[in-house]
Protein backbone atom coordinates (compact mmCIF):
# COMPACT_ATOMS: atom_id res chain seq x y z
CA MET A 1 -5.32 21.43 -40.31
CA ASN A 2 -8.92 22.41 -39.85
CA ARG A 3 -10.35 22.67 -43.35
CA ALA A 4 -12.86 25.21 -42.04
CA SER A 5 -9.96 27.65 -41.60
CA ILE A 6 -9.19 27.51 -45.35
CA ARG A 7 -11.19 29.75 -47.64
CA LEU A 8 -11.00 31.34 -51.07
CA ARG A 9 -11.67 34.91 -52.03
CA PRO A 10 -11.12 36.90 -55.22
CA THR A 11 -7.47 37.84 -55.64
CA VAL A 12 -6.80 41.54 -54.99
CA SER A 13 -3.93 43.84 -55.88
CA SER A 14 -2.45 43.75 -52.37
CA ASP A 15 -1.94 39.95 -52.75
CA ILE A 16 0.33 40.24 -55.77
CA ARG A 17 3.65 41.04 -54.05
CA LEU A 18 3.44 38.00 -51.74
CA LEU A 19 2.24 35.75 -54.57
CA HIS A 20 5.32 36.80 -56.54
CA THR A 21 7.51 35.92 -53.54
CA PHE A 22 5.90 32.46 -53.51
CA GLU A 23 6.57 32.11 -57.26
CA CYS A 24 10.25 33.01 -56.80
CA ASP A 25 10.92 30.16 -54.35
CA ALA A 26 13.69 28.03 -55.90
CA MET A 27 12.48 24.73 -54.40
CA ALA A 28 8.91 25.33 -55.60
CA ASN A 29 10.13 26.12 -59.11
CA GLN A 30 12.31 23.03 -59.20
CA LEU A 31 9.36 20.85 -58.15
CA ALA A 32 6.97 22.50 -60.63
CA GLY A 33 9.49 22.63 -63.49
CA THR A 34 8.97 26.37 -63.85
CA LYS A 35 11.04 29.52 -64.05
CA PRO A 36 9.96 32.49 -61.97
CA ARG A 37 8.84 35.57 -63.83
CA THR A 38 10.36 38.97 -63.14
CA TRP A 39 8.34 41.28 -60.92
CA GLU A 40 7.52 43.44 -63.96
CA VAL A 41 6.20 40.53 -66.03
CA PHE A 42 4.33 39.03 -63.06
CA ARG A 43 2.76 42.37 -62.12
CA ALA A 44 1.76 43.17 -65.71
CA ARG A 45 -0.07 39.86 -66.03
CA TRP A 46 -1.84 40.33 -62.72
CA ASP A 47 -2.77 43.92 -63.60
CA GLU A 48 -4.44 42.52 -66.74
CA ILE A 49 -6.28 39.82 -64.76
CA LEU A 50 -7.41 42.15 -61.97
CA ALA A 51 -8.64 44.75 -64.49
CA ASP A 52 -11.08 42.09 -65.75
CA PRO A 53 -13.00 41.01 -62.62
CA SER A 54 -15.65 39.12 -64.62
CA GLY A 55 -12.99 37.23 -66.58
CA SER A 56 -14.72 38.21 -69.81
CA SER A 57 -11.48 39.28 -71.55
CA THR A 58 -8.85 37.08 -69.90
CA GLY A 59 -11.04 34.07 -69.09
CA VAL A 60 -9.25 33.84 -65.73
CA THR A 61 -11.04 33.10 -62.46
CA PRO A 62 -8.44 34.06 -59.81
CA ARG A 63 -8.75 33.16 -56.15
CA ALA A 64 -6.50 33.78 -53.18
CA ILE A 65 -6.14 30.92 -50.71
CA LEU A 66 -6.43 32.07 -47.11
CA VAL A 67 -5.57 30.00 -44.05
CA ASP A 68 -6.78 31.55 -40.81
CA GLY A 69 -7.00 34.82 -42.74
CA VAL A 70 -3.37 34.63 -43.97
CA LEU A 71 -2.57 34.51 -47.68
CA ALA A 72 -1.11 31.03 -48.34
CA GLY A 73 -1.31 30.81 -52.13
CA ALA A 74 -3.46 31.15 -55.21
CA ILE A 75 -5.71 28.92 -57.26
CA ASN A 76 -6.92 29.94 -60.69
CA VAL A 77 -8.96 28.65 -63.60
CA TRP A 78 -7.92 29.89 -67.05
CA PRO A 79 -8.38 28.91 -70.68
CA HIS A 80 -5.55 26.98 -72.36
CA GLU A 81 -5.89 25.71 -75.90
CA GLY A 82 -9.65 26.21 -75.73
CA ARG A 83 -10.09 24.19 -72.52
CA PRO A 84 -10.55 25.31 -68.92
CA ASN A 85 -7.49 24.55 -66.78
CA ILE A 86 -6.95 24.80 -63.06
CA GLY A 87 -3.72 25.34 -61.20
CA TYR A 88 -2.49 26.39 -57.80
CA TRP A 89 0.64 27.65 -56.12
CA ILE A 90 1.09 27.33 -52.37
CA GLY A 91 3.76 29.19 -50.40
CA ARG A 92 6.36 26.65 -49.25
CA GLU A 93 5.83 27.45 -45.56
CA HIS A 94 2.28 26.12 -46.04
CA TRP A 95 3.19 22.83 -47.77
CA GLY A 96 2.16 19.49 -46.30
CA ARG A 97 -0.88 20.78 -44.43
CA GLY A 98 -3.65 19.77 -46.85
CA ILE A 99 -4.15 23.34 -48.06
CA ALA A 100 -3.89 22.55 -51.77
CA SER A 101 -6.40 19.71 -51.45
CA ALA A 102 -8.87 21.85 -49.52
CA ALA A 103 -8.46 24.84 -51.85
CA LEU A 104 -8.91 22.62 -54.89
CA GLN A 105 -12.15 21.23 -53.48
CA LEU A 106 -13.43 24.73 -52.73
CA MET A 107 -12.61 25.88 -56.26
CA LEU A 108 -14.23 22.79 -57.80
CA ASN A 109 -17.40 23.60 -55.84
CA GLU A 110 -17.33 27.17 -57.17
CA PHE A 111 -16.28 26.44 -60.75
CA SER A 112 -18.58 23.75 -62.10
CA ALA A 113 -17.61 23.61 -65.80
CA ARG A 114 -16.49 20.12 -66.84
CA PRO A 115 -14.37 18.73 -68.23
CA LEU A 116 -11.66 20.62 -66.33
CA PHE A 117 -7.98 20.06 -67.02
CA ALA A 118 -4.79 20.37 -64.99
CA SER A 119 -1.16 19.63 -65.64
CA ALA A 120 1.90 19.09 -63.50
CA ALA A 121 5.49 18.09 -63.93
CA ALA A 122 5.69 14.29 -63.70
CA GLU A 123 8.21 14.67 -60.86
CA ASN A 124 5.76 16.78 -58.85
CA ARG A 125 4.21 13.83 -57.04
CA PRO A 126 2.57 15.94 -54.30
CA SER A 127 0.64 18.00 -56.83
CA LEU A 128 -0.33 14.96 -58.88
CA ARG A 129 -1.59 13.30 -55.69
CA VAL A 130 -3.73 16.36 -54.83
CA LEU A 131 -5.32 16.24 -58.29
CA GLU A 132 -5.88 12.48 -58.25
CA LYS A 133 -7.49 12.63 -54.79
CA ALA A 134 -9.93 15.20 -56.19
CA GLY A 135 -10.96 12.80 -58.96
CA PHE A 136 -8.74 13.96 -61.83
CA ILE A 137 -7.50 11.14 -64.05
CA VAL A 138 -4.41 11.07 -66.24
CA GLU A 139 -5.21 11.98 -69.83
CA SER A 140 -1.66 12.07 -71.20
CA ARG A 141 2.01 12.33 -70.42
CA GLN A 142 4.47 13.99 -72.76
CA TRP A 143 7.90 15.54 -72.89
CA MET A 144 7.76 19.33 -73.19
CA PRO A 145 10.74 21.39 -74.36
CA GLU A 146 12.10 24.33 -72.41
CA THR A 147 10.32 27.67 -72.87
CA GLU A 148 10.67 31.12 -71.39
CA ARG A 149 8.39 30.04 -68.49
CA TYR A 150 9.03 26.28 -68.18
CA LEU A 151 11.99 23.95 -67.88
CA ALA A 152 12.19 20.98 -70.22
CA ARG A 153 10.21 18.29 -68.42
CA ASP A 154 7.79 15.41 -68.57
CA VAL A 155 4.26 16.85 -68.14
CA VAL A 156 1.20 14.92 -66.99
CA THR A 157 -2.16 16.29 -68.12
CA LEU A 158 -5.17 15.26 -66.06
CA VAL A 159 -8.90 15.74 -66.56
CA LEU A 160 -11.89 15.89 -64.26
CA GLY A 161 -14.98 14.72 -66.15
CA GLU A 162 -18.68 15.36 -65.85
CA GLY A 163 -19.08 13.32 -62.67
CA GLY A 164 -16.32 15.17 -60.76
């Protein structure tokens, strides 16, 4: 994969349907320890985010991940418990090509606030590896109960400090 063919751009309304399709992938949800949202819930959240392009109300910095001009996923920074967090979701047909790593590096170049946090299901070794390669270090690991959005799972929280 030529990293030059991977780029980020602000997420737009026409991306949302495909991003929801990516989120509904059963294998991706199993790996991430998540439950897909209904189209209505997903769309409502994205309508809120896209109505706030500066992120002043939502605090979200949303980016679409493009590979050779094709939407391959999303990467976003958002506030969680008063701290900036980063996360990504790649369409399964794009897995294993270095896209998450390249997109993460592009977003880290754009979003310079540190410390920056990320979390992943402990079983999601590929995602943990992407974060560790980018310089994130494990801050904690804890069991999280099931919620409307997440399965009960072991969650690893990582942090990228001032030097990252």
